[in-house]
Amino acid sequence: MLITEHTLTGSTAEDLLEFVGSWEGLDIRECLQLVYDNRMPLEF
């Protein structure tokens, strides 16, 4: 079994590209709607 440890050490595009995989942006509207549908309202 191969175990890889992922740590976010920065917020550069290069750091984040490791997690992107083969996404090409064709589903951006669907992904954005998923975010809107699942976000929680902020409470202060």
PDB file of N, CA and C in Angstrom:
ATOM      1  N   MET A   1       0.846  -1.179   0.000  1.00  0.00           N
ATOM      2  CA  MET A   1       0.000   0.000   0.000  1.00  0.00           C
ATOM      3  C   MET A   1       0.886   1.235   0.000  1.00  0.00           C
ATOM      4  N   LEU A   2       0.568   2.188  -0.876  1.00  0.00           N
ATOM      5  CA  LEU A   2       1.325   3.430  -0.977  1.00  0.00           C
ATOM      6  C   LEU A   2       0.605   4.498  -0.179  1.00  0.00           C
ATOM      7  N   ILE A   3       1.300   5.090   0.763  1.00  0.00           N
ATOM      8  CA  ILE A   3       0.724   6.147   1.585  1.00  0.00           C
ATOM      9  C   ILE A   3       1.511   7.418   1.322  1.00  0.00           C
ATOM     10  N   THR A   4       0.814   8.459   0.934  1.00  0.00           N
ATOM     11  CA  THR A   4       1.472   9.746   0.733  1.00  0.00           C
ATOM     12  C   THR A   4       0.932  10.729   1.742  1.00  0.00           C
ATOM     13  N   GLU A   5       1.811  11.542   2.250  1.00  0.00           N
ATOM     14  CA  GLU A   5       1.408  12.546   3.222  1.00  0.00           C
ATOM     15  C   GLU A   5       1.337  13.889   2.525  1.00  0.00           C
ATOM     16  N   HIS A   6       0.191  14.547   2.608  1.00  0.00           N
ATOM     17  CA  HIS A   6       0.013  15.852   1.987  1.00  0.00           C
ATOM     18  C   HIS A   6       0.022  16.919   3.072  1.00  0.00           C
ATOM     19  N   THR A   7       0.861  17.882   2.889  1.00  0.00           N
ATOM     20  CA  THR A   7       0.865  19.020   3.796  1.00  0.00           C
ATOM     21  C   THR A   7       0.812  20.283   2.969  1.00  0.00           C
ATOM     22  N   LEU A   8      -0.021  21.193   3.374  1.00  0.00           N
ATOM     23  CA  LEU A   8      -0.105  22.476   2.691  1.00  0.00           C
ATOM     24  C   LEU A   8       0.867  23.425   3.371  1.00  0.00           C
ATOM     25  N   THR A   9       1.983  23.654   2.727  1.00  0.00           N
ATOM     26  CA  THR A   9       3.004  24.506   3.318  1.00  0.00           C
ATOM     27  C   THR A   9       2.937  25.926   2.783  1.00  0.00           C
ATOM     28  N   GLY A  10       2.127  26.152   1.793  1.00  0.00           N
ATOM     29  CA  GLY A  10       2.000  27.480   1.207  1.00  0.00           C
ATOM     30  C   GLY A  10       0.698  27.582   0.455  1.00  0.00           C
ATOM     31  N   SER A  11       0.515  28.690  -0.169  1.00  0.00           N
ATOM     32  CA  SER A  11      -0.734  28.867  -0.920  1.00  0.00           C
ATOM     33  C   SER A  11      -0.448  29.275  -2.356  1.00  0.00           C
ATOM     34  N   THR A  12       0.690  28.832  -2.870  1.00  0.00           N
ATOM     35  CA  THR A  12       1.002  29.159  -4.251  1.00  0.00           C
ATOM     36  C   THR A  12       0.277  28.200  -5.180  1.00  0.00           C
ATOM     37  N   ALA A  13       0.133  28.586  -6.418  1.00  0.00           N
ATOM     38  CA  ALA A  13      -0.524  27.725  -7.399  1.00  0.00           C
ATOM     39  C   ALA A  13       0.234  26.409  -7.534  1.00  0.00           C
ATOM     40  N   GLU A  14       1.547  26.470  -7.488  1.00  0.00           N
ATOM     41  CA  GLU A  14       2.342  25.252  -7.607  1.00  0.00           C
ATOM     42  C   GLU A  14       2.029  24.278  -6.471  1.00  0.00           C
ATOM     43  N   ASP A  15       1.855  24.788  -5.244  1.00  0.00           N
ATOM     44  CA  ASP A  15       1.501  23.936  -4.106  1.00  0.00           C
ATOM     45  C   ASP A  15       0.152  23.267  -4.323  1.00  0.00           C
ATOM     46  N   LEU A  16      -0.809  24.023  -4.866  1.00  0.00           N
ATOM     47  CA  LEU A  16      -2.161  23.512  -5.016  1.00  0.00           C
ATOM     48  C   LEU A  16      -2.336  22.593  -6.218  1.00  0.00           C
ATOM     49  N   LEU A  17      -1.490  22.733  -7.228  1.00  0.00           N
ATOM     50  CA  LEU A  17      -1.612  21.907  -8.427  1.00  0.00           C
ATOM     51  C   LEU A  17      -1.457  20.419  -8.130  1.00  0.00           C
ATOM     52  N   GLU A  18      -0.782  20.077  -7.059  1.00  0.00           N
ATOM     53  CA  GLU A  18      -0.616  18.676  -6.676  1.00  0.00           C
ATOM     54  C   GLU A  18      -1.965  18.002  -6.452  1.00  0.00           C
ATOM     55  N   PHE A  19      -2.964  18.775  -6.024  1.00  0.00           N
ATOM     56  CA  PHE A  19      -4.269  18.220  -5.679  1.00  0.00           C
ATOM     57  C   PHE A  19      -5.280  18.312  -6.814  1.00  0.00           C
ATOM     58  N   VAL A  20      -4.933  18.935  -7.921  1.00  0.00           N
ATOM     59  CA  VAL A  20      -5.882  19.191  -8.994  1.00  0.00           C
ATOM     60  C   VAL A  20      -6.191  17.938  -9.806  1.00  0.00           C
ATOM     61  N   GLY A  21      -5.207  17.149 -10.093  1.00  0.00           N
ATOM     62  CA  GLY A  21      -5.435  15.969 -10.913  1.00  0.00           C
ATOM     63  C   GLY A  21      -5.632  16.353 -12.363  1.00  0.00           C
ATOM     64  N   SER A  22      -6.695  15.837 -12.977  1.00  0.00           N
ATOM     65  CA  SER A  22      -6.912  16.076 -14.399  1.00  0.00           C
ATOM     66  C   SER A  22      -8.036  17.072 -14.677  1.00  0.00           C
ATOM     67  N   TRP A  23      -8.394  17.865 -13.718  1.00  0.00           N
ATOM     68  CA  TRP A  23      -9.477  18.831 -13.899  1.00  0.00           C
ATOM     69  C   TRP A  23      -9.113  19.819 -14.991  1.00  0.00           C
ATOM     70  N   GLU A  24     -10.050  20.061 -15.907  1.00  0.00           N
ATOM     71  CA  GLU A  24      -9.803  20.953 -17.035  1.00  0.00           C
ATOM     72  C   GLU A  24     -10.690  22.182 -17.027  1.00  0.00           C
ATOM     73  N   GLY A  25     -11.551  22.331 -16.051  1.00  0.00           N
ATOM     74  CA  GLY A  25     -12.364  23.525 -15.963  1.00  0.00           C
ATOM     75  C   GLY A  25     -13.688  23.451 -16.696  1.00  0.00           C
ATOM     76  N   LEU A  26     -14.042  22.315 -17.232  1.00  0.00           N
ATOM     77  CA  LEU A  26     -15.282  22.200 -17.982  1.00  0.00           C
ATOM     78  C   LEU A  26     -16.509  22.152 -17.076  1.00  0.00           C
ATOM     79  N   ASP A  27     -16.303  21.910 -15.799  1.00  0.00           N
ATOM     80  CA  ASP A  27     -17.423  21.788 -14.872  1.00  0.00           C
ATOM     81  C   ASP A  27     -17.434  22.913 -13.831  1.00  0.00           C
ATOM     82  N   ILE A  28     -16.855  24.051 -14.164  1.00  0.00           N
ATOM     83  CA  ILE A  28     -16.731  25.127 -13.183  1.00  0.00           C
ATOM     84  C   ILE A  28     -18.082  25.622 -12.683  1.00  0.00           C
ATOM     85  N   ARG A  29     -19.066  25.730 -13.555  1.00  0.00           N
ATOM     86  CA  ARG A  29     -20.389  26.195 -13.098  1.00  0.00           C
ATOM     87  C   ARG A  29     -21.016  25.191 -12.138  1.00  0.00           C
ATOM     88  N   GLU A  30     -20.885  23.905 -12.437  1.00  0.00           N
ATOM     89  CA  GLU A  30     -21.416  22.866 -11.553  1.00  0.00           C
ATOM     90  C   GLU A  30     -20.699  22.883 -10.207  1.00  0.00           C
ATOM     91  N   CYS A  31     -19.390  23.061 -10.224  1.00  0.00           N
ATOM     92  CA  CYS A  31     -18.619  23.110  -8.974  1.00  0.00           C
ATOM     93  C   CYS A  31     -18.988  24.329  -8.144  1.00  0.00           C
ATOM     94  N   LEU A  32     -19.150  25.465  -8.790  1.00  0.00           N
ATOM     95  CA  LEU A  32     -19.528  26.678  -8.077  1.00  0.00           C
ATOM     96  C   LEU A  32     -20.914  26.536  -7.466  1.00  0.00           C
ATOM     97  N   GLN A  33     -21.836  25.935  -8.182  1.00  0.00           N
ATOM     98  CA  GLN A  33     -23.174  25.720  -7.637  1.00  0.00           C
ATOM     99  C   GLN A  33     -23.122  24.783  -6.435  1.00  0.00           C
ATOM    100  N   LEU A  34     -22.274  23.777  -6.496  1.00  0.00           N
ATOM    101  CA  LEU A  34     -22.093  22.856  -5.375  1.00  0.00           C
ATOM    102  C   LEU A  34     -21.603  23.604  -4.132  1.00  0.00           C
ATOM    103  N   VAL A  35     -20.696  24.542  -4.322  1.00  0.00           N
ATOM    104  CA  VAL A  35     -20.207  25.357  -3.206  1.00  0.00           C
ATOM    105  C   VAL A  35     -21.343  26.194  -2.627  1.00  0.00           C
ATOM    106  N   TYR A  36     -22.097  26.869  -3.501  1.00  0.00           N
ATOM    107  CA  TYR A  36     -23.216  27.687  -3.027  1.00  0.00           C
ATOM    108  C   TYR A  36     -24.250  26.849  -2.282  1.00  0.00           C
ATOM    109  N   ASP A  37     -24.543  25.664  -2.781  1.00  0.00           N
ATOM    110  CA  ASP A  37     -25.565  24.810  -2.173  1.00  0.00           C
ATOM    111  C   ASP A  37     -25.144  24.268  -0.814  1.00  0.00           C
ATOM    112  N   ASN A  38     -23.848  24.146  -0.589  1.00  0.00           N
ATOM    113  CA  ASN A  38     -23.375  23.476   0.625  1.00  0.00           C
ATOM    114  C   ASN A  38     -22.708  24.387   1.651  1.00  0.00           C
ATOM    115  N   ARG A  39     -22.592  25.672   1.358  1.00  0.00           N
ATOM    116  CA  ARG A  39     -21.936  26.536   2.331  1.00  0.00           C
ATOM    117  C   ARG A  39     -22.884  26.871   3.464  1.00  0.00           C
ATOM    118  N   MET A  40     -22.301  27.090   4.607  1.00  0.00           N
ATOM    119  CA  MET A  40     -23.076  27.411   5.809  1.00  0.00           C
ATOM    120  C   MET A  40     -23.084  28.933   6.007  1.00  0.00           C
ATOM    121  N   PRO A  41     -24.183  29.475   6.504  1.00  0.00           N
ATOM    122  CA  PRO A  41     -24.199  30.918   6.792  1.00  0.00           C
ATOM    123  C   PRO A  41     -23.269  31.216   7.976  1.00  0.00           C
ATOM    124  N   LEU A  42     -22.640  32.376   7.932  1.00  0.00           N
ATOM    125  CA  LEU A  42     -21.760  32.775   9.020  1.00  0.00           C
ATOM    126  C   LEU A  42     -22.570  33.308  10.187  1.00  0.00           C
ATOM    127  N   GLU A  43     -22.114  32.985  11.387  1.00  0.00           N
ATOM    128  CA  GLU A  43     -22.740  33.500  12.585  1.00  0.00           C
ATOM    129  C   GLU A  43     -21.667  34.205  13.396  1.00  0.00           C
ATOM    130  N   PHE A  44     -21.940  35.447  13.771  1.00  0.00           N
ATOM    131  CA  PHE A  44     -20.983  36.204  14.561  1.00  0.00           C
ATOM    132  C   PHE A  44     -21.477  36.391  15.956  1.00  0.00           C
TER     133      PHE A  44
END
